[in-house]
Amino acid sequence: MTIENFDQMYVAELQELASAQRQLEEAHERMAQAARHPEVKALLSRHRDETKTQRERLETVLRAHRASPTAHTDQAMQALIGEADKMLDQLQGDALRDAGLVASAQKIAHYEIATFGTAAALAGQLRLPEEQRILHQCVEEERQADQALSRLAMVDLNPAAAVAG
C-alpha cells in the first residue's frame, strides 16, 4: 500500500495499532495463564480487558474513516510477543517466570505508549480532537498499567527472583 498523504498515514497508524491490540489480547491471556503470582495474574488479566477495550475504540475510529481495522499487521508487536514467548520458555522457576513476565509486559506497554502517543499527535495535527482524546486515554491506561507492573516488580517480584536463583 502506498501512503500519499498525512490522512492516510494517520489511518495506517491506527490500523497498525488495531493489529497490535488484537495480537495482545491473545498474548496477555497466555501470559496471565503462565503467571503464578496472583497479582501478576490479576494485572495481566485486567490489562487484557483494557486491551480489548482499546481495540474496540480503534475499530470505531477506523470505521468512521471508512478503513478496515484488519488491513495491516503490526510486525513490531509480533516481534515483541515472540520475544516474550521465547523468554517464557527459557525461564525456570515461578519467581523468575513472574519477574520475566512483568519485564516482557512492560516492554510491550512502552511500545504501546509510544504508538498511541504518536497516533494522538497525528490526530492533533489533523484537528481531530475527539480521536486525539481517545488516543490520549489509551496512553494514560498504558502508563497506569506500566506503573502498576513497576511497583509489583520492584517491591515483590524482582527481589524474590533475585534470591530464588
C-alpha atoms as a PDB file:
ATOM      1  CA  MET A   1       0.000   0.000   0.000  1.00  0.00           C
ATOM      2  CA  THR A   2       1.231   3.431  -0.908  1.00  0.00           C
ATOM      3  CA  ILE A   3       0.620   6.237   1.551  1.00  0.00           C
ATOM      4  CA  GLU A   4       0.242   9.519  -0.279  1.00  0.00           C
ATOM      5  CA  ASN A   5      -0.857  11.981   2.375  1.00  0.00           C
ATOM      6  CA  PHE A   6      -0.959  12.714   6.085  1.00  0.00           C
ATOM      7  CA  ASP A   7      -4.539  11.465   6.478  1.00  0.00           C
ATOM      8  CA  GLN A   8      -3.572   8.098   5.010  1.00  0.00           C
ATOM      9  CA  MET A   9      -0.522   7.939   7.252  1.00  0.00           C
ATOM     10  CA  TYR A  10      -2.742   8.530  10.281  1.00  0.00           C
ATOM     11  CA  VAL A  11      -5.202   5.817   9.248  1.00  0.00           C
ATOM     12  CA  ALA A  12      -2.320   3.389   8.623  1.00  0.00           C
ATOM     13  CA  GLU A  13      -1.037   4.104  12.155  1.00  0.00           C
ATOM     14  CA  LEU A  14      -4.480   3.374  13.561  1.00  0.00           C
ATOM     15  CA  GLN A  15      -4.615   0.121  11.593  1.00  0.00           C
ATOM     16  CA  GLU A  16      -1.221  -0.895  12.994  1.00  0.00           C
ATOM     17  CA  LEU A  17      -2.474  -0.115  16.491  1.00  0.00           C
ATOM     18  CA  ALA A  18      -5.619  -2.172  15.960  1.00  0.00           C
ATOM     19  CA  SER A  19      -3.452  -5.076  14.828  1.00  0.00           C
ATOM     20  CA  ALA A  20      -1.230  -4.702  17.887  1.00  0.00           C
ATOM     21  CA  GLN A  21      -4.235  -4.769  20.192  1.00  0.00           C
ATOM     22  CA  ARG A  22      -5.673  -7.891  18.513  1.00  0.00           C
ATOM     23  CA  GLN A  23      -2.362  -9.670  18.932  1.00  0.00           C
ATOM     24  CA  LEU A  24      -2.080  -8.551  22.543  1.00  0.00           C
ATOM     25  CA  GLU A  25      -5.452  -9.864  23.588  1.00  0.00           C
ATOM     26  CA  GLU A  26      -4.200 -13.401  22.978  1.00  0.00           C
ATOM     27  CA  ALA A  27      -0.724 -12.728  24.342  1.00  0.00           C
ATOM     28  CA  HIS A  28      -1.997 -11.231  27.610  1.00  0.00           C
ATOM     29  CA  GLU A  29      -4.211 -14.263  28.082  1.00  0.00           C
ATOM     30  CA  ARG A  30      -1.238 -16.647  27.618  1.00  0.00           C
ATOM     31  CA  MET A  31       0.899 -14.533  29.923  1.00  0.00           C
ATOM     32  CA  ALA A  32      -1.779 -14.425  32.631  1.00  0.00           C
ATOM     33  CA  GLN A  33      -2.144 -18.204  32.464  1.00  0.00           C
ATOM     34  CA  ALA A  34       1.621 -18.657  32.775  1.00  0.00           C
ATOM     35  CA  ALA A  35       1.884 -16.391  35.828  1.00  0.00           C
ATOM     36  CA  ARG A  36       1.929 -17.936  39.288  1.00  0.00           C
ATOM     37  CA  HIS A  37       1.849 -14.806  41.448  1.00  0.00           C
ATOM     38  CA  PRO A  38      -1.828 -13.845  41.991  1.00  0.00           C
ATOM     39  CA  GLU A  39      -1.207 -10.145  41.496  1.00  0.00           C
ATOM     40  CA  VAL A  40       0.664 -10.752  38.233  1.00  0.00           C
ATOM     41  CA  LYS A  41      -2.271 -12.867  37.015  1.00  0.00           C
ATOM     42  CA  ALA A  42      -4.709 -10.140  38.026  1.00  0.00           C
ATOM     43  CA  LEU A  43      -2.726  -7.303  36.410  1.00  0.00           C
ATOM     44  CA  LEU A  44      -2.265  -9.200  33.151  1.00  0.00           C
ATOM     45  CA  SER A  45      -5.931 -10.204  33.065  1.00  0.00           C
ATOM     46  CA  ARG A  46      -7.032  -6.632  33.728  1.00  0.00           C
ATOM     47  CA  HIS A  47      -4.659  -5.391  31.046  1.00  0.00           C
ATOM     48  CA  ARG A  48      -6.102  -7.944  28.590  1.00  0.00           C
ATOM     49  CA  ASP A  49      -9.531  -6.434  29.232  1.00  0.00           C
ATOM     50  CA  GLU A  50      -8.192  -2.894  28.710  1.00  0.00           C
ATOM     51  CA  THR A  51      -6.519  -4.051  25.502  1.00  0.00           C
ATOM     52  CA  LYS A  52      -9.849  -5.354  24.210  1.00  0.00           C
ATOM     53  CA  THR A  53     -11.499  -2.018  25.009  1.00  0.00           C
ATOM     54  CA  GLN A  54      -8.666  -0.151  23.276  1.00  0.00           C
ATOM     55  CA  ARG A  55      -9.044  -2.352  20.190  1.00  0.00           C
ATOM     56  CA  GLU A  56     -12.781  -1.680  20.118  1.00  0.00           C
ATOM     57  CA  ARG A  57     -12.168   2.080  20.353  1.00  0.00           C
ATOM     58  CA  LEU A  58      -9.687   1.909  17.491  1.00  0.00           C
ATOM     59  CA  GLU A  59     -12.080  -0.085  15.355  1.00  0.00           C
ATOM     60  CA  THR A  60     -14.794   2.519  15.931  1.00  0.00           C
ATOM     61  CA  VAL A  61     -12.432   5.308  14.870  1.00  0.00           C
ATOM     62  CA  LEU A  62     -11.310   3.336  11.819  1.00  0.00           C
ATOM     63  CA  ARG A  63     -14.894   2.690  10.762  1.00  0.00           C
ATOM     64  CA  ALA A  64     -15.522   6.451  10.969  1.00  0.00           C
ATOM     65  CA  HIS A  65     -12.665   6.818   8.455  1.00  0.00           C
ATOM     66  CA  ARG A  66     -14.158   4.010   6.330  1.00  0.00           C
ATOM     67  CA  ALA A  67     -10.984   2.000   6.856  1.00  0.00           C
ATOM     68  CA  SER A  68     -10.566  -1.679   7.607  1.00  0.00           C
ATOM     69  CA  PRO A  69      -9.327  -2.469  11.129  1.00  0.00           C
ATOM     70  CA  THR A  70      -7.614  -5.593   9.786  1.00  0.00           C
ATOM     71  CA  ALA A  71      -5.768  -4.116   6.794  1.00  0.00           C
ATOM     72  CA  HIS A  72      -2.337  -4.170   8.450  1.00  0.00           C
ATOM     73  CA  THR A  73      -0.308  -6.454  10.682  1.00  0.00           C
ATOM     74  CA  ASP A  74       1.895  -4.797  13.274  1.00  0.00           C
ATOM     75  CA  GLN A  75       5.204  -6.599  12.850  1.00  0.00           C
ATOM     76  CA  ALA A  76       6.859  -4.834  15.775  1.00  0.00           C
ATOM     77  CA  MET A  77       4.198  -6.232  18.108  1.00  0.00           C
ATOM     78  CA  GLN A  78       4.666  -9.671  16.577  1.00  0.00           C
ATOM     79  CA  ALA A  79       8.350  -9.430  17.445  1.00  0.00           C
ATOM     80  CA  LEU A  80       7.729  -8.201  21.000  1.00  0.00           C
ATOM     81  CA  ILE A  81       5.255 -11.009  21.650  1.00  0.00           C
ATOM     82  CA  GLY A  82       7.680 -13.508  20.110  1.00  0.00           C
ATOM     83  CA  GLU A  83      10.396 -12.316  22.486  1.00  0.00           C
ATOM     84  CA  ALA A  84       8.011 -12.628  25.437  1.00  0.00           C
ATOM     85  CA  ASP A  85       7.103 -16.181  24.405  1.00  0.00           C
ATOM     86  CA  LYS A  86      10.779 -17.082  23.992  1.00  0.00           C
ATOM     87  CA  MET A  87      11.558 -15.650  27.419  1.00  0.00           C
ATOM     88  CA  LEU A  88       8.750 -17.676  28.993  1.00  0.00           C
ATOM     89  CA  ASP A  89      10.143 -20.861  27.502  1.00  0.00           C
ATOM     90  CA  GLN A  90      13.588 -20.143  28.938  1.00  0.00           C
ATOM     91  CA  LEU A  91      12.724 -19.056  32.479  1.00  0.00           C
ATOM     92  CA  GLN A  92      12.861 -21.706  35.182  1.00  0.00           C
ATOM     93  CA  GLY A  93      11.009 -21.356  38.479  1.00  0.00           C
ATOM     94  CA  ASP A  94       7.886 -19.453  39.410  1.00  0.00           C
ATOM     95  CA  ALA A  95       9.593 -16.369  40.848  1.00  0.00           C
ATOM     96  CA  LEU A  96      11.857 -15.922  37.842  1.00  0.00           C
ATOM     97  CA  ARG A  97       8.999 -16.577  35.395  1.00  0.00           C
ATOM     98  CA  ASP A  98       6.775 -13.973  37.057  1.00  0.00           C
ATOM     99  CA  ALA A  99       9.570 -11.382  37.028  1.00  0.00           C
ATOM    100  CA  GLY A 100      10.207 -12.148  33.350  1.00  0.00           C
ATOM    101  CA  LEU A 101       6.510 -11.890  32.525  1.00  0.00           C
ATOM    102  CA  VAL A 102       6.361  -8.442  34.048  1.00  0.00           C
ATOM    103  CA  ALA A 103       9.527  -7.358  32.223  1.00  0.00           C
ATOM    104  CA  SER A 104       8.027  -8.532  28.919  1.00  0.00           C
ATOM    105  CA  ALA A 105       4.685  -6.879  29.660  1.00  0.00           C
ATOM    106  CA  GLN A 106       6.478  -3.609  30.375  1.00  0.00           C
ATOM    107  CA  LYS A 107       8.400  -3.705  27.091  1.00  0.00           C
ATOM    108  CA  ILE A 108       5.081  -4.160  25.326  1.00  0.00           C
ATOM    109  CA  ALA A 109       3.423  -1.374  27.344  1.00  0.00           C
ATOM    110  CA  HIS A 110       6.259   1.014  26.476  1.00  0.00           C
ATOM    111  CA  TYR A 111       5.756   0.273  22.787  1.00  0.00           C
ATOM    112  CA  GLU A 112       2.034   0.917  23.180  1.00  0.00           C
ATOM    113  CA  ILE A 113       2.658   4.218  24.958  1.00  0.00           C
ATOM    114  CA  ALA A 114       4.863   5.315  22.068  1.00  0.00           C
ATOM    115  CA  THR A 115       2.493   4.210  19.307  1.00  0.00           C
ATOM    116  CA  PHE A 116      -0.675   5.549  20.912  1.00  0.00           C
ATOM    117  CA  GLY A 117       1.182   8.801  21.621  1.00  0.00           C
ATOM    118  CA  THR A 118       2.303   9.083  18.015  1.00  0.00           C
ATOM    119  CA  ALA A 119      -1.235   8.472  16.759  1.00  0.00           C
ATOM    120  CA  ALA A 120      -2.562  11.093  19.196  1.00  0.00           C
ATOM    121  CA  ALA A 121      -0.072  13.636  17.849  1.00  0.00           C
ATOM    122  CA  LEU A 122      -1.169  12.864  14.292  1.00  0.00           C
ATOM    123  CA  ALA A 123      -4.829  13.251  15.298  1.00  0.00           C
ATOM    124  CA  GLY A 124      -3.977  16.622  16.817  1.00  0.00           C
ATOM    125  CA  GLN A 125      -2.287  17.755  13.621  1.00  0.00           C
ATOM    126  CA  LEU A 126      -5.378  16.707  11.680  1.00  0.00           C
ATOM    127  CA  ARG A 127      -7.602  18.626  14.105  1.00  0.00           C
ATOM    128  CA  LEU A 128      -9.470  15.538  15.265  1.00  0.00           C
ATOM    129  CA  PRO A 129      -9.873  16.404  18.960  1.00  0.00           C
ATOM    130  CA  GLU A 130     -12.214  13.543  19.870  1.00  0.00           C
ATOM    131  CA  GLU A 131      -9.904  10.974  18.316  1.00  0.00           C
ATOM    132  CA  GLN A 132      -6.932  12.634  19.978  1.00  0.00           C
ATOM    133  CA  ARG A 133      -8.746  12.390  23.322  1.00  0.00           C
ATOM    134  CA  ILE A 134      -9.440   8.682  22.775  1.00  0.00           C
ATOM    135  CA  LEU A 135      -5.808   8.016  21.907  1.00  0.00           C
ATOM    136  CA  HIS A 136      -4.555  10.003  24.913  1.00  0.00           C
ATOM    137  CA  GLN A 137      -6.894   7.947  27.091  1.00  0.00           C
ATOM    138  CA  CYS A 138      -5.183   4.805  25.783  1.00  0.00           C
ATOM    139  CA  VAL A 139      -1.757   6.311  26.516  1.00  0.00           C
ATOM    140  CA  GLU A 140      -2.838   7.017  30.094  1.00  0.00           C
ATOM    141  CA  GLU A 141      -4.188   3.483  30.550  1.00  0.00           C
ATOM    142  CA  GLU A 142      -0.875   2.084  29.347  1.00  0.00           C
ATOM    143  CA  ARG A 143       1.087   4.371  31.672  1.00  0.00           C
ATOM    144  CA  GLN A 144      -1.016   3.260  34.630  1.00  0.00           C
ATOM    145  CA  ALA A 145      -0.530  -0.404  33.714  1.00  0.00           C
ATOM    146  CA  ASP A 146       3.217   0.161  33.412  1.00  0.00           C
ATOM    147  CA  GLN A 147       3.344   1.880  36.811  1.00  0.00           C
ATOM    148  CA  ALA A 148       1.419  -0.961  38.466  1.00  0.00           C
ATOM    149  CA  LEU A 149       3.778  -3.500  36.905  1.00  0.00           C
ATOM    150  CA  SER A 150       6.811  -1.472  38.018  1.00  0.00           C
ATOM    151  CA  ARG A 151       5.610  -1.282  41.600  1.00  0.00           C
ATOM    152  CA  LEU A 152       4.975  -5.013  41.728  1.00  0.00           C
ATOM    153  CA  ALA A 153       8.338  -5.803  40.159  1.00  0.00           C
ATOM    154  CA  MET A 154      10.349  -3.540  42.459  1.00  0.00           C
ATOM    155  CA  VAL A 155       8.596  -4.410  45.703  1.00  0.00           C
ATOM    156  CA  ASP A 156       7.940  -8.100  45.286  1.00  0.00           C
ATOM    157  CA  LEU A 157       8.877  -9.938  42.093  1.00  0.00           C
ATOM    158  CA  ASN A 158      12.430  -8.854  41.362  1.00  0.00           C
ATOM    159  CA  PRO A 159      13.662  -9.288  44.961  1.00  0.00           C
ATOM    160  CA  ALA A 160      12.042 -12.741  45.103  1.00  0.00           C
ATOM    161  CA  ALA A 161      13.543 -13.755  41.761  1.00  0.00           C
ATOM    162  CA  ALA A 162      16.985 -12.487  42.780  1.00  0.00           C
ATOM    163  CA  VAL A 163      17.097 -14.639  45.932  1.00  0.00           C
ATOM    164  CA  ALA A 164      15.462 -17.666  44.283  1.00  0.00           C
ATOM    165  CA  GLY A 165      18.163 -18.127  41.693  1.00  0.00           C
END
